[in-house]
Every structure is written in C-alpha cells, then in structure tokens.
C-alpha cells in the first residue's frame, strides 16, 4: 500500500516514494490527507485515478494491478510536486 500523507515539511507526498513489486500485484493508494489527490502515470496512459473524481480525503483509495514489468513514475495532477515511482519486476 502507498499512503498519501503530509510529510515533515508540511507538503503532500506519496509514501513510499519508490515501491518495488512483482508483475500481477495490485497496488492500493490510501489518502490520509484533508484534500483530494490523483494517482496519474507520467506517460498519461498507463494508469490514472482521474481528476474529475479525485481520491477522497481522509481514507479514499485507488487500486491498480500492474501486469507487466517496467518502471512507472507517477504524480498527482492536482499537486504536481507530488512524485513517486512503482518498479515492477
């Protein structure tokens, strides 16, 4: 699981920033902040939780199953400084 948190500097962040998994694994992101966020692949097409219906504040979740190996950087469309990576082996 990846938590969407507020880090020690007061900024929103994905934790962990890098997650390594095996192909076929579902990753769930859980929002522990007071505002909505998205989980959007940097390539714009691998996965996207969607900006029209962001992951709800205080416990909302989004899950995606990674079926192929690769490195998948992603960000929050609402807060572009939020960046992280899923590595699929």
PDB file of N, CA and C in Angstrom:
ATOM      1  N   UNK A   1       0.837  -1.189   0.000  1.00  0.00           N
ATOM      2  CA  UNK A   1       0.000   0.000   0.000  1.00  0.00           C
ATOM      3  C   UNK A   1       0.877   1.245   0.000  1.00  0.00           C
ATOM      4  N   UNK A   2       0.432   2.249  -0.738  1.00  0.00           N
ATOM      5  CA  UNK A   2       1.100   3.549  -0.752  1.00  0.00           C
ATOM      6  C   UNK A   2       0.184   4.529  -0.037  1.00  0.00           C
ATOM      7  N   UNK A   3       0.709   5.216   0.948  1.00  0.00           N
ATOM      8  CA  UNK A   3      -0.069   6.212   1.680  1.00  0.00           C
ATOM      9  C   UNK A   3       0.156   7.592   1.054  1.00  0.00           C
ATOM     10  N   UNK A   4      -0.907   8.373   0.967  1.00  0.00           N
ATOM     11  CA  UNK A   4      -0.810   9.773   0.566  1.00  0.00           C
ATOM     12  C   UNK A   4      -0.848  10.557   1.871  1.00  0.00           C
ATOM     13  N   UNK A   5       0.271  11.204   2.192  1.00  0.00           N
ATOM     14  CA  UNK A   5       0.432  11.805   3.512  1.00  0.00           C
ATOM     15  C   UNK A   5       0.891  13.249   3.410  1.00  0.00           C
ATOM     16  N   UNK A   6       1.013  13.866   4.561  1.00  0.00           N
ATOM     17  CA  UNK A   6       1.659  15.167   4.681  1.00  0.00           C
ATOM     18  C   UNK A   6       3.002  14.905   5.339  1.00  0.00           C
ATOM     19  N   UNK A   7       4.103  15.247   4.646  1.00  0.00           N
ATOM     20  CA  UNK A   7       5.435  14.940   5.179  1.00  0.00           C
ATOM     21  C   UNK A   7       5.866  15.948   6.241  1.00  0.00           C
ATOM     22  N   UNK A   8       7.061  15.756   6.768  1.00  0.00           N
ATOM     23  CA  UNK A   8       7.542  16.579   7.883  1.00  0.00           C
ATOM     24  C   UNK A   8       7.670  18.055   7.526  1.00  0.00           C
ATOM     25  N   UNK A   9       7.792  18.373   6.232  1.00  0.00           N
ATOM     26  CA  UNK A   9       7.900  19.775   5.824  1.00  0.00           C
ATOM     27  C   UNK A   9       6.524  20.405   5.588  1.00  0.00           C
ATOM     28  N   UNK A  10       5.464  19.608   5.738  1.00  0.00           N
ATOM     29  CA  UNK A  10       4.119  20.123   5.520  1.00  0.00           C
ATOM     30  C   UNK A  10       3.616  19.952   4.103  1.00  0.00           C
ATOM     31  N   UNK A  11       4.406  19.310   3.240  1.00  0.00           N
ATOM     32  CA  UNK A  11       3.992  19.073   1.862  1.00  0.00           C
ATOM     33  C   UNK A  11       3.315  17.714   1.735  1.00  0.00           C
ATOM     34  N   UNK A  12       2.415  17.599   0.766  1.00  0.00           N
ATOM     35  CA  UNK A  12       1.804  16.309   0.474  1.00  0.00           C
ATOM     36  C   UNK A  12       2.845  15.419  -0.182  1.00  0.00           C
ATOM     37  N   UNK A  13       2.747  14.101   0.054  1.00  0.00           N
ATOM     38  CA  UNK A  13       3.722  13.169  -0.515  1.00  0.00           C
ATOM     39  C   UNK A  13       3.132  11.775  -0.616  1.00  0.00           C
ATOM     40  N   UNK A  14       3.702  10.987  -1.533  1.00  0.00           N
ATOM     41  CA  UNK A  14       3.405   9.557  -1.615  1.00  0.00           C
ATOM     42  C   UNK A  14       4.437   8.836  -0.759  1.00  0.00           C
ATOM     43  N   UNK A  15       4.003   7.882   0.066  1.00  0.00           N
ATOM     44  CA  UNK A  15       4.915   7.144   0.929  1.00  0.00           C
ATOM     45  C   UNK A  15       4.615   5.651   0.843  1.00  0.00           C
ATOM     46  N   UNK A  16       5.573   4.819   0.348  1.00  0.00           N
ATOM     47  CA  UNK A  16       6.946   5.193  -0.001  1.00  0.00           C
ATOM     48  C   UNK A  16       7.012   5.869  -1.369  1.00  0.00           C
ATOM     49  N   UNK A  17       8.080   6.611  -1.587  1.00  0.00           N
ATOM     50  CA  UNK A  17       8.273   7.303  -2.867  1.00  0.00           C
ATOM     51  C   UNK A  17       8.636   6.325  -3.975  1.00  0.00           C
ATOM     52  N   UNK A  18       9.243   5.192  -3.618  1.00  0.00           N
ATOM     53  CA  UNK A  18       9.552   4.137  -4.582  1.00  0.00           C
ATOM     54  C   UNK A  18       9.049   2.820  -4.020  1.00  0.00           C
ATOM     55  N   UNK A  19       8.257   2.113  -4.808  1.00  0.00           N
ATOM     56  CA  UNK A  19       7.690   0.830  -4.404  1.00  0.00           C
ATOM     57  C   UNK A  19       8.095  -0.199  -5.448  1.00  0.00           C
ATOM     58  N   UNK A  20       8.693  -1.317  -5.007  1.00  0.00           N
ATOM     59  CA  UNK A  20       9.090  -2.395  -5.915  1.00  0.00           C
ATOM     60  C   UNK A  20       8.180  -3.594  -5.674  1.00  0.00           C
ATOM     61  N   UNK A  21       7.554  -4.065  -6.756  1.00  0.00           N
ATOM     62  CA  UNK A  21       6.595  -5.168  -6.661  1.00  0.00           C
ATOM     63  C   UNK A  21       6.848  -6.174  -7.779  1.00  0.00           C
ATOM     64  N   UNK A  22       6.163  -7.305  -7.719  1.00  0.00           N
ATOM     65  CA  UNK A  22       6.209  -8.300  -8.790  1.00  0.00           C
ATOM     66  C   UNK A  22       5.035  -8.058  -9.737  1.00  0.00           C
ATOM     67  N   UNK A  23       5.209  -8.377 -11.020  1.00  0.00           N
ATOM     68  CA  UNK A  23       4.128  -8.245 -12.001  1.00  0.00           C
ATOM     69  C   UNK A  23       2.916  -9.034 -11.515  1.00  0.00           C
ATOM     70  N   UNK A  24       1.727  -8.479 -11.729  1.00  0.00           N
ATOM     71  CA  UNK A  24       0.499  -9.116 -11.283  1.00  0.00           C
ATOM     72  C   UNK A  24       0.029  -8.628  -9.921  1.00  0.00           C
ATOM     73  N   UNK A  25       0.806  -7.740  -9.299  1.00  0.00           N
ATOM     74  CA  UNK A  25       0.464  -7.218  -7.979  1.00  0.00           C
ATOM     75  C   UNK A  25      -0.432  -5.992  -8.101  1.00  0.00           C
ATOM     76  N   UNK A  26      -1.460  -5.952  -7.262  1.00  0.00           N
ATOM     77  CA  UNK A  26      -2.314  -4.764  -7.181  1.00  0.00           C
ATOM     78  C   UNK A  26      -1.746  -3.831  -6.120  1.00  0.00           C
ATOM     79  N   UNK A  27      -1.633  -2.560  -6.464  1.00  0.00           N
ATOM     80  CA  UNK A  27      -1.192  -1.542  -5.515  1.00  0.00           C
ATOM     81  C   UNK A  27      -2.405  -0.699  -5.150  1.00  0.00           C
ATOM     82  N   UNK A  28      -2.570  -0.438  -3.861  1.00  0.00           N
ATOM     83  CA  UNK A  28      -3.635   0.442  -3.394  1.00  0.00           C
ATOM     84  C   UNK A  28      -3.012   1.679  -2.777  1.00  0.00           C
ATOM     85  N   UNK A  29      -3.508   2.831  -3.210  1.00  0.00           N
ATOM     86  CA  UNK A  29      -3.107   4.109  -2.624  1.00  0.00           C
ATOM     87  C   UNK A  29      -4.217   4.531  -1.666  1.00  0.00           C
ATOM     88  N   UNK A  30      -3.855   4.989  -0.479  1.00  0.00           N
ATOM     89  CA  UNK A  30      -4.843   5.450   0.504  1.00  0.00           C
ATOM     90  C   UNK A  30      -4.528   6.879   0.890  1.00  0.00           C
ATOM     91  N   UNK A  31      -5.539   7.739   0.799  1.00  0.00           N
ATOM     92  CA  UNK A  31      -5.377   9.161   1.064  1.00  0.00           C
ATOM     93  C   UNK A  31      -5.605   9.442   2.556  1.00  0.00           C
ATOM     94  N   UNK A  32      -4.556   9.867   3.240  1.00  0.00           N
ATOM     95  CA  UNK A  32      -4.658  10.197   4.666  1.00  0.00           C
ATOM     96  C   UNK A  32      -4.621  11.704   4.901  1.00  0.00           C
ATOM     97  N   UNK A  33      -4.825  12.500   3.847  1.00  0.00           N
ATOM     98  CA  UNK A  33      -4.786  13.955   3.983  1.00  0.00           C
ATOM     99  C   UNK A  33      -6.205  14.525   3.962  1.00  0.00           C
ATOM    100  N   UNK A  34      -6.298  15.838   4.137  1.00  0.00           N
ATOM    101  CA  UNK A  34      -7.597  16.511   4.209  1.00  0.00           C
ATOM    102  C   UNK A  34      -8.109  16.994   2.858  1.00  0.00           C
ATOM    103  N   UNK A  35      -7.379  16.697   1.776  1.00  0.00           N
ATOM    104  CA  UNK A  35      -7.794  17.132   0.434  1.00  0.00           C
ATOM    105  C   UNK A  35      -7.679  15.977  -0.561  1.00  0.00           C
ATOM    106  N   UNK A  36      -8.341  16.111  -1.711  1.00  0.00           N
ATOM    107  CA  UNK A  36      -8.295  15.091  -2.751  1.00  0.00           C
ATOM    108  C   UNK A  36      -6.980  15.094  -3.515  1.00  0.00           C
ATOM    109  N   UNK A  37      -6.646  13.932  -4.093  1.00  0.00           N
ATOM    110  CA  UNK A  37      -5.422  13.764  -4.887  1.00  0.00           C
ATOM    111  C   UNK A  37      -5.710  12.827  -6.054  1.00  0.00           C
ATOM    112  N   UNK A  38      -4.791  12.802  -7.031  1.00  0.00           N
ATOM    113  CA  UNK A  38      -4.866  11.799  -8.090  1.00  0.00           C
ATOM    114  C   UNK A  38      -3.589  10.966  -8.074  1.00  0.00           C
ATOM    115  N   UNK A  39      -3.685   9.801  -8.712  1.00  0.00           N
ATOM    116  CA  UNK A  39      -2.533   8.944  -8.973  1.00  0.00           C
ATOM    117  C   UNK A  39      -2.508   8.808 -10.491  1.00  0.00           C
ATOM    118  N   UNK A  40      -1.577   9.523 -11.142  1.00  0.00           N
ATOM    119  CA  UNK A  40      -1.568   9.625 -12.595  1.00  0.00           C
ATOM    120  C   UNK A  40      -0.184   9.271 -13.130  1.00  0.00           C
ATOM    121  N   UNK A  41      -0.122   8.268 -14.017  1.00  0.00           N
ATOM    122  CA  UNK A  41       1.174   7.888 -14.585  1.00  0.00           C
ATOM    123  C   UNK A  41       1.741   9.045 -15.385  1.00  0.00           C
ATOM    124  N   UNK A  42       3.065   9.195 -15.349  1.00  0.00           N
ATOM    125  CA  UNK A  42       3.709  10.295 -16.068  1.00  0.00           C
ATOM    126  C   UNK A  42       3.489  10.211 -17.568  1.00  0.00           C
ATOM    127  N   UNK A  43       3.292   8.980 -18.104  1.00  0.00           N
ATOM    128  CA  UNK A  43       3.061   8.849 -19.545  1.00  0.00           C
ATOM    129  C   UNK A  43       1.611   9.182 -19.915  1.00  0.00           C
ATOM    130  N   UNK A  44       0.771   9.387 -18.919  1.00  0.00           N
ATOM    131  CA  UNK A  44      -0.602   9.794 -19.163  1.00  0.00           C
ATOM    132  C   UNK A  44      -1.539   8.687 -19.606  1.00  0.00           C
ATOM    133  N   UNK A  45      -1.039   7.448 -19.737  1.00  0.00           N
ATOM    134  CA  UNK A  45      -1.924   6.392 -20.216  1.00  0.00           C
ATOM    135  C   UNK A  45      -1.837   5.073 -19.466  1.00  0.00           C
ATOM    136  N   UNK A  46      -0.773   4.815 -18.708  1.00  0.00           N
ATOM    137  CA  UNK A  46      -0.655   3.520 -18.025  1.00  0.00           C
ATOM    138  C   UNK A  46      -1.706   3.345 -16.934  1.00  0.00           C
ATOM    139  N   UNK A  47      -1.916   4.370 -16.127  1.00  0.00           N
ATOM    140  CA  UNK A  47      -2.956   4.351 -15.090  1.00  0.00           C
ATOM    141  C   UNK A  47      -3.259   5.773 -14.663  1.00  0.00           C
ATOM    142  N   UNK A  48      -4.491   5.980 -14.218  1.00  0.00           N
ATOM    143  CA  UNK A  48      -4.912   7.317 -13.788  1.00  0.00           C
ATOM    144  C   UNK A  48      -6.167   7.176 -12.944  1.00  0.00           C
ATOM    145  N   UNK A  49      -6.101   7.671 -11.714  1.00  0.00           N
ATOM    146  CA  UNK A  49      -7.280   7.618 -10.844  1.00  0.00           C
ATOM    147  C   UNK A  49      -8.327   8.635 -11.267  1.00  0.00           C
ATOM    148  N   UNK A  50      -7.925   9.635 -12.049  1.00  0.00           N
ATOM    149  CA  UNK A  50      -8.866  10.604 -12.609  1.00  0.00           C
ATOM    150  C   UNK A  50      -8.962  11.902 -11.830  1.00  0.00           C
ATOM    151  N   UNK A  51      -8.960  13.013 -12.552  1.00  0.00           N
ATOM    152  CA  UNK A  51      -9.054  14.320 -11.905  1.00  0.00           C
ATOM    153  C   UNK A  51     -10.504  14.724 -11.650  1.00  0.00           C
ATOM    154  N   UNK A  52     -11.448  14.167 -12.409  1.00  0.00           N
ATOM    155  CA  UNK A  52     -12.850  14.558 -12.222  1.00  0.00           C
ATOM    156  C   UNK A  52     -13.421  13.979 -10.926  1.00  0.00           C
ATOM    157  N   UNK A  53     -12.824  12.908 -10.433  1.00  0.00           N
ATOM    158  CA  UNK A  53     -13.277  12.280  -9.198  1.00  0.00           C
ATOM    159  C   UNK A  53     -12.035  11.885  -8.393  1.00  0.00           C
ATOM    160  N   UNK A  54     -11.356  12.868  -7.773  1.00  0.00           N
ATOM    161  CA  UNK A  54     -10.094  12.575  -7.075  1.00  0.00           C
ATOM    162  C   UNK A  54     -10.274  11.570  -5.939  1.00  0.00           C
ATOM    163  N   UNK A  55      -9.167  10.995  -5.509  1.00  0.00           N
ATOM    164  CA  UNK A  55      -9.190  10.083  -4.363  1.00  0.00           C
ATOM    165  C   UNK A  55      -9.630  10.901  -3.152  1.00  0.00           C
ATOM    166  N   UNK A  56     -10.696  10.473  -2.524  1.00  0.00           N
ATOM    167  CA  UNK A  56     -11.318  11.253  -1.453  1.00  0.00           C
ATOM    168  C   UNK A  56     -10.393  11.454  -0.265  1.00  0.00           C
ATOM    169  N   UNK A  57     -10.545  12.618   0.359  1.00  0.00           N
ATOM    170  CA  UNK A  57      -9.783  12.940   1.565  1.00  0.00           C
ATOM    171  C   UNK A  57     -10.149  11.991   2.697  1.00  0.00           C
ATOM    172  N   UNK A  58      -9.217  11.838   3.632  1.00  0.00           N
ATOM    173  CA  UNK A  58      -9.455  11.081   4.863  1.00  0.00           C
ATOM    174  C   UNK A  58      -9.909   9.649   4.632  1.00  0.00           C
ATOM    175  N   UNK A  59      -9.164   8.914   3.794  1.00  0.00           N
ATOM    176  CA  UNK A  59      -9.414   7.480   3.688  1.00  0.00           C
ATOM    177  C   UNK A  59      -9.815   6.949   2.337  1.00  0.00           C
ATOM    178  N   UNK A  60      -9.965   7.818   1.338  1.00  0.00           N
ATOM    179  CA  UNK A  60     -10.290   7.343  -0.009  1.00  0.00           C
ATOM    180  C   UNK A  60      -9.159   6.489  -0.558  1.00  0.00           C
ATOM    181  N   UNK A  61      -9.501   5.546  -1.447  1.00  0.00           N
ATOM    182  CA  UNK A  61      -8.477   4.665  -2.024  1.00  0.00           C
ATOM    183  C   UNK A  61      -8.620   4.563  -3.534  1.00  0.00           C
ATOM    184  N   UNK A  62      -7.534   4.132  -4.170  1.00  0.00           N
ATOM    185  CA  UNK A  62      -7.490   3.815  -5.592  1.00  0.00           C
ATOM    186  C   UNK A  62      -6.572   2.614  -5.740  1.00  0.00           C
ATOM    187  N   UNK A  63      -6.974   1.623  -6.525  1.00  0.00           N
ATOM    188  CA  UNK A  63      -6.141   0.432  -6.743  1.00  0.00           C
ATOM    189  C   UNK A  63      -5.888   0.228  -8.225  1.00  0.00           C
ATOM    190  N   UNK A  64      -4.715  -0.298  -8.538  1.00  0.00           N
ATOM    191  CA  UNK A  64      -4.354  -0.618  -9.914  1.00  0.00           C
ATOM    192  C   UNK A  64      -3.464  -1.853  -9.899  1.00  0.00           C
ATOM    193  N   UNK A  65      -3.718  -2.796 -10.812  1.00  0.00           N
ATOM    194  CA  UNK A  65      -2.898  -4.009 -10.922  1.00  0.00           C
ATOM    195  C   UNK A  65      -1.875  -3.828 -12.034  1.00  0.00           C
ATOM    196  N   UNK A  66      -0.600  -3.962 -11.681  1.00  0.00           N
ATOM    197  CA  UNK A  66       0.500  -3.839 -12.641  1.00  0.00           C
ATOM    198  C   UNK A  66       0.770  -5.213 -13.244  1.00  0.00           C
ATOM    199  N   UNK A  67       0.517  -5.353 -14.552  1.00  0.00           N
ATOM    200  CA  UNK A  67       0.611  -6.661 -15.193  1.00  0.00           C
ATOM    201  C   UNK A  67       1.913  -6.888 -15.943  1.00  0.00           C
ATOM    202  N   UNK A  68       2.678  -5.821 -16.186  1.00  0.00           N
ATOM    203  CA  UNK A  68       3.931  -6.007 -16.919  1.00  0.00           C
ATOM    204  C   UNK A  68       5.083  -5.312 -16.218  1.00  0.00           C
ATOM    205  N   UNK A  69       6.275  -5.860 -16.447  1.00  0.00           N
ATOM    206  CA  UNK A  69       7.478  -5.307 -15.825  1.00  0.00           C
ATOM    207  C   UNK A  69       7.788  -3.929 -16.392  1.00  0.00           C
ATOM    208  N   UNK A  70       8.432  -3.111 -15.574  1.00  0.00           N
ATOM    209  CA  UNK A  70       8.839  -1.786 -16.019  1.00  0.00           C
ATOM    210  C   UNK A  70       8.928  -0.835 -14.845  1.00  0.00           C
ATOM    211  N   UNK A  71       9.300   0.397 -15.170  1.00  0.00           N
ATOM    212  CA  UNK A  71       9.376   1.458 -14.168  1.00  0.00           C
ATOM    213  C   UNK A  71       8.285   2.463 -14.506  1.00  0.00           C
ATOM    214  N   UNK A  72       7.431   2.730 -13.531  1.00  0.00           N
ATOM    215  CA  UNK A  72       6.254   3.560 -13.763  1.00  0.00           C
ATOM    216  C   UNK A  72       6.256   4.778 -12.838  1.00  0.00           C
ATOM    217  N   UNK A  73       6.865   5.891 -13.291  1.00  0.00           N
ATOM    218  CA  UNK A  73       6.791   7.119 -12.493  1.00  0.00           C
ATOM    219  C   UNK A  73       5.375   7.681 -12.555  1.00  0.00           C
ATOM    220  N   UNK A  74       4.948   8.300 -11.452  1.00  0.00           N
ATOM    221  CA  UNK A  74       3.612   8.890 -11.417  1.00  0.00           C
ATOM    222  C   UNK A  74       3.607  10.137 -10.548  1.00  0.00           C
ATOM    223  N   UNK A  75       2.488  10.857 -10.610  1.00  0.00           N
ATOM    224  CA  UNK A  75       2.362  12.129  -9.892  1.00  0.00           C
ATOM    225  C   UNK A  75       0.901  12.383  -9.559  1.00  0.00           C
ATOM    226  N   UNK A  76       0.644  13.461  -8.841  1.00  0.00           N
ATOM    227  CA  UNK A  76      -0.711  13.941  -8.576  1.00  0.00           C
ATOM    228  C   UNK A  76      -0.972  15.104  -9.523  1.00  0.00           C
ATOM    229  N   UNK A  77      -2.049  15.019 -10.303  1.00  0.00           N
ATOM    230  CA  UNK A  77      -2.387  16.097 -11.246  1.00  0.00           C
ATOM    231  C   UNK A  77      -2.715  17.395 -10.508  1.00  0.00           C
ATOM    232  N   UNK A  78      -3.267  17.298  -9.309  1.00  0.00           N
ATOM    233  CA  UNK A  78      -3.680  18.477  -8.553  1.00  0.00           C
ATOM    234  C   UNK A  78      -2.469  19.138  -7.890  1.00  0.00           C
ATOM    235  N   UNK A  79      -1.529  18.316  -7.458  1.00  0.00           N
ATOM    236  CA  UNK A  79      -0.311  18.798  -6.776  1.00  0.00           C
ATOM    237  C   UNK A  79       0.892  18.205  -7.514  1.00  0.00           C
ATOM    238  N   UNK A  80       1.342  18.815  -8.623  1.00  0.00           N
ATOM    239  CA  UNK A  80       2.364  18.210  -9.492  1.00  0.00           C
ATOM    240  C   UNK A  80       3.717  17.970  -8.812  1.00  0.00           C
ATOM    241  N   UNK A  81       3.957  18.598  -7.675  1.00  0.00           N
ATOM    242  CA  UNK A  81       5.223  18.360  -6.952  1.00  0.00           C
ATOM    243  C   UNK A  81       5.209  16.986  -6.281  1.00  0.00           C
ATOM    244  N   UNK A  82       4.057  16.355  -6.177  1.00  0.00           N
ATOM    245  CA  UNK A  82       3.972  15.007  -5.601  1.00  0.00           C
ATOM    246  C   UNK A  82       4.382  14.012  -6.678  1.00  0.00           C
ATOM    247  N   UNK A  83       5.521  13.331  -6.457  1.00  0.00           N
ATOM    248  CA  UNK A  83       6.038  12.397  -7.449  1.00  0.00           C
ATOM    249  C   UNK A  83       6.486  11.124  -6.748  1.00  0.00           C
ATOM    250  N   UNK A  84       6.320   9.990  -7.436  1.00  0.00           N
ATOM    251  CA  UNK A  84       6.765   8.707  -6.907  1.00  0.00           C
ATOM    252  C   UNK A  84       6.904   7.732  -8.067  1.00  0.00           C
ATOM    253  N   UNK A  85       7.372   6.513  -7.770  1.00  0.00           N
ATOM    254  CA  UNK A  85       7.630   5.523  -8.812  1.00  0.00           C
ATOM    255  C   UNK A  85       7.253   4.131  -8.314  1.00  0.00           C
ATOM    256  N   UNK A  86       6.628   3.355  -9.201  1.00  0.00           N
ATOM    257  CA  UNK A  86       6.416   1.932  -8.958  1.00  0.00           C
ATOM    258  C   UNK A  86       7.338   1.178  -9.906  1.00  0.00           C
ATOM    259  N   UNK A  87       8.154   0.272  -9.352  1.00  0.00           N
ATOM    260  CA  UNK A  87       9.047  -0.570 -10.141  1.00  0.00           C
ATOM    261  C   UNK A  87       8.447  -1.985 -10.138  1.00  0.00           C
ATOM    262  N   UNK A  88       8.148  -2.503 -11.329  1.00  0.00           N
ATOM    263  CA  UNK A  88       7.535  -3.824 -11.455  1.00  0.00           C
ATOM    264  C   UNK A  88       8.567  -4.776 -12.041  1.00  0.00           C
ATOM    265  N   UNK A  89       8.814  -5.870 -11.346  1.00  0.00           N
ATOM    266  CA  UNK A  89       9.824  -6.840 -11.777  1.00  0.00           C
ATOM    267  C   UNK A  89       9.185  -8.089 -12.373  1.00  0.00           C
TER     268      UNK A  89
END
